[in-house]
């Protein structure tokens, strides 16, 4: 992450430590590592997921189920009830369109089977953000 130009931030949260990596001029967060009692969890902010949504179809089943179980974004309700900074994530996976919350959509347990997919997910998001920055 650091070699890609991301900035590291360590902070304490209600339930422990949070490690964040931000990217770009505005330093928007790309991901957080969240330390839970049972496991290390990563939250990826896939703001550009529509640019590489086909990748989602290749995720391990457990990761796809995690996405499907994530709450729908209340930003799309009338009137909007979600955090104004959320904006939601609209994407297609397995031919189904989803409108998920930016903050809980792409949260995955970090383990041996998820690490390769997580790595590719992060690379895709960084590349998309870098392309946005160049335009």
Protein backbone atom coordinates (compact mmCIF):
# COMPACT_ATOMS: atom_id res chain seq x y z
CA UNK A 1 0.00 0.00 0.00
CA UNK A 2 2.79 2.41 0.89
CA UNK A 3 4.63 1.60 -2.35
CA UNK A 4 1.43 2.51 -4.23
CA UNK A 5 1.43 5.99 -2.70
CA UNK A 6 -1.03 5.37 0.11
CA UNK A 7 -0.78 7.13 3.43
CA UNK A 8 -0.95 5.04 6.61
CA UNK A 9 -3.01 6.10 9.61
CA UNK A 10 -3.25 4.28 12.95
CA UNK A 11 -6.08 5.10 15.33
CA UNK A 12 -7.93 3.68 18.28
CA UNK A 13 -11.62 2.88 18.01
CA UNK A 14 -14.29 1.71 20.40
CA UNK A 15 -13.29 -1.93 20.02
CA UNK A 16 -9.55 -1.65 19.46
CA UNK A 17 -7.17 -0.38 16.84
CA UNK A 18 -7.93 0.59 13.25
CA UNK A 19 -5.31 0.75 10.51
CA UNK A 20 -6.28 2.84 7.47
CA UNK A 21 -4.69 3.49 4.12
CA UNK A 22 -5.70 6.57 2.12
CA UNK A 23 -4.92 7.45 -1.48
CA UNK A 24 -5.03 10.48 -3.78
CA UNK A 25 -4.89 14.23 -3.33
CA UNK A 26 -7.93 14.21 -1.06
CA UNK A 27 -6.55 11.19 0.82
CA UNK A 28 -9.79 9.20 0.67
CA UNK A 29 -9.56 5.93 2.57
CA UNK A 30 -9.09 2.84 0.42
CA UNK A 31 -9.25 0.31 3.23
CA UNK A 32 -9.25 -0.26 6.97
CA UNK A 33 -8.01 -3.20 8.94
CA UNK A 34 -10.36 -3.73 11.86
CA UNK A 35 -9.30 -5.94 14.73
CA UNK A 36 -12.21 -8.07 16.02
CA UNK A 37 -12.20 -10.60 18.82
CA UNK A 38 -12.43 -13.57 16.48
CA UNK A 39 -10.56 -12.36 13.41
CA UNK A 40 -8.87 -9.61 11.49
CA UNK A 41 -11.38 -7.95 9.16
CA UNK A 42 -10.68 -5.71 6.19
CA UNK A 43 -13.09 -3.03 4.99
CA UNK A 44 -12.45 -2.05 1.37
CA UNK A 45 -14.00 1.16 0.13
CA UNK A 46 -14.71 0.06 -3.44
CA UNK A 47 -15.81 3.48 -4.63
CA UNK A 48 -14.96 2.56 -8.23
CA UNK A 49 -16.26 -1.00 -8.18
CA UNK A 50 -18.41 -0.37 -11.26
CA UNK A 51 -15.21 -0.09 -13.30
CA UNK A 52 -14.19 -3.65 -12.43
CA UNK A 53 -17.47 -5.26 -11.26
CA UNK A 54 -16.83 -8.44 -13.30
CA UNK A 55 -14.14 -9.21 -10.74
CA UNK A 56 -16.84 -9.67 -8.07
CA UNK A 57 -18.14 -12.75 -9.90
CA UNK A 58 -14.74 -14.39 -9.32
CA UNK A 59 -14.67 -13.85 -5.55
CA UNK A 60 -14.76 -16.90 -3.27
CA UNK A 61 -18.30 -17.89 -2.26
CA UNK A 62 -17.77 -16.77 1.36
CA UNK A 63 -16.82 -13.27 0.21
CA UNK A 64 -19.79 -13.07 -2.16
CA UNK A 65 -22.10 -14.15 0.67
CA UNK A 66 -20.62 -11.44 2.88
CA UNK A 67 -21.46 -8.83 0.24
CA UNK A 68 -25.01 -10.17 -0.18
CA UNK A 69 -25.59 -10.10 3.60
CA UNK A 70 -24.34 -6.51 3.95
CA UNK A 71 -27.14 -4.02 4.60
CA UNK A 72 -28.67 -2.12 1.72
CA UNK A 73 -27.79 1.55 1.66
CA UNK A 74 -30.47 3.75 3.16
CA UNK A 75 -29.19 6.56 0.96
CA UNK A 76 -31.43 5.19 -1.79
CA UNK A 77 -34.56 5.41 0.35
CA UNK A 78 -36.93 8.36 0.15
CA UNK A 79 -36.06 10.42 2.11
CA UNK A 80 -32.41 9.33 2.36
CA UNK A 81 -31.56 8.07 5.85
CA UNK A 82 -27.90 7.16 5.45
CA UNK A 83 -24.82 9.20 6.29
CA UNK A 84 -24.47 12.02 3.75
CA UNK A 85 -20.85 10.97 3.12
CA UNK A 86 -21.87 7.42 2.19
CA UNK A 87 -23.27 7.74 -1.31
CA UNK A 88 -23.72 3.99 -1.43
CA UNK A 89 -22.28 1.45 -3.83
CA UNK A 90 -24.31 0.37 -6.84
CA UNK A 91 -22.87 -2.63 -8.68
CA UNK A 92 -23.75 -5.90 -10.35
CA UNK A 93 -22.64 -9.32 -9.12
CA UNK A 94 -23.79 -12.60 -10.68
CA UNK A 95 -26.26 -10.68 -12.81
CA UNK A 96 -27.99 -9.06 -9.81
CA UNK A 97 -27.80 -5.35 -9.07
CA UNK A 98 -27.01 -4.35 -5.49
CA UNK A 99 -27.26 -1.04 -3.64
CA UNK A 100 -25.10 -1.52 -0.58
CA UNK A 101 -23.76 0.80 2.09
CA UNK A 102 -20.24 2.07 1.42
CA UNK A 103 -19.21 1.39 5.01
CA UNK A 104 -20.27 -2.25 5.32
CA UNK A 105 -20.46 -3.57 1.77
CA UNK A 106 -16.98 -4.95 1.31
CA UNK A 107 -16.00 -6.24 4.76
CA UNK A 108 -14.16 -9.52 4.69
CA UNK A 109 -12.42 -11.74 7.19
CA UNK A 110 -8.72 -11.94 6.40
CA UNK A 111 -7.68 -15.58 6.10
CA UNK A 112 -5.64 -17.81 3.81
CA UNK A 113 -8.49 -18.31 1.32
CA UNK A 114 -9.49 -14.62 1.13
CA UNK A 115 -6.04 -13.00 0.87
CA UNK A 116 -5.53 -13.51 -2.91
CA UNK A 117 -8.97 -12.06 -3.72
CA UNK A 118 -8.50 -9.18 -1.27
CA UNK A 119 -5.14 -8.36 -2.87
CA UNK A 120 -6.67 -8.28 -6.36
CA UNK A 121 -9.63 -6.22 -5.11
CA UNK A 122 -7.26 -3.61 -3.64
CA UNK A 123 -5.14 -3.51 -6.81
CA UNK A 124 -8.28 -2.97 -8.91
CA UNK A 125 -9.48 -0.13 -6.69
CA UNK A 126 -6.09 1.59 -6.57
CA UNK A 127 -5.76 1.35 -10.35
CA UNK A 128 -9.25 2.83 -10.82
CA UNK A 129 -8.50 5.65 -8.40
CA UNK A 130 -5.18 6.31 -10.08
CA UNK A 131 -6.89 6.48 -13.50
CA UNK A 132 -9.43 8.94 -12.08
CA UNK A 133 -6.59 11.06 -10.79
CA UNK A 134 -4.93 11.15 -14.22
CA UNK A 135 -8.06 12.28 -16.05
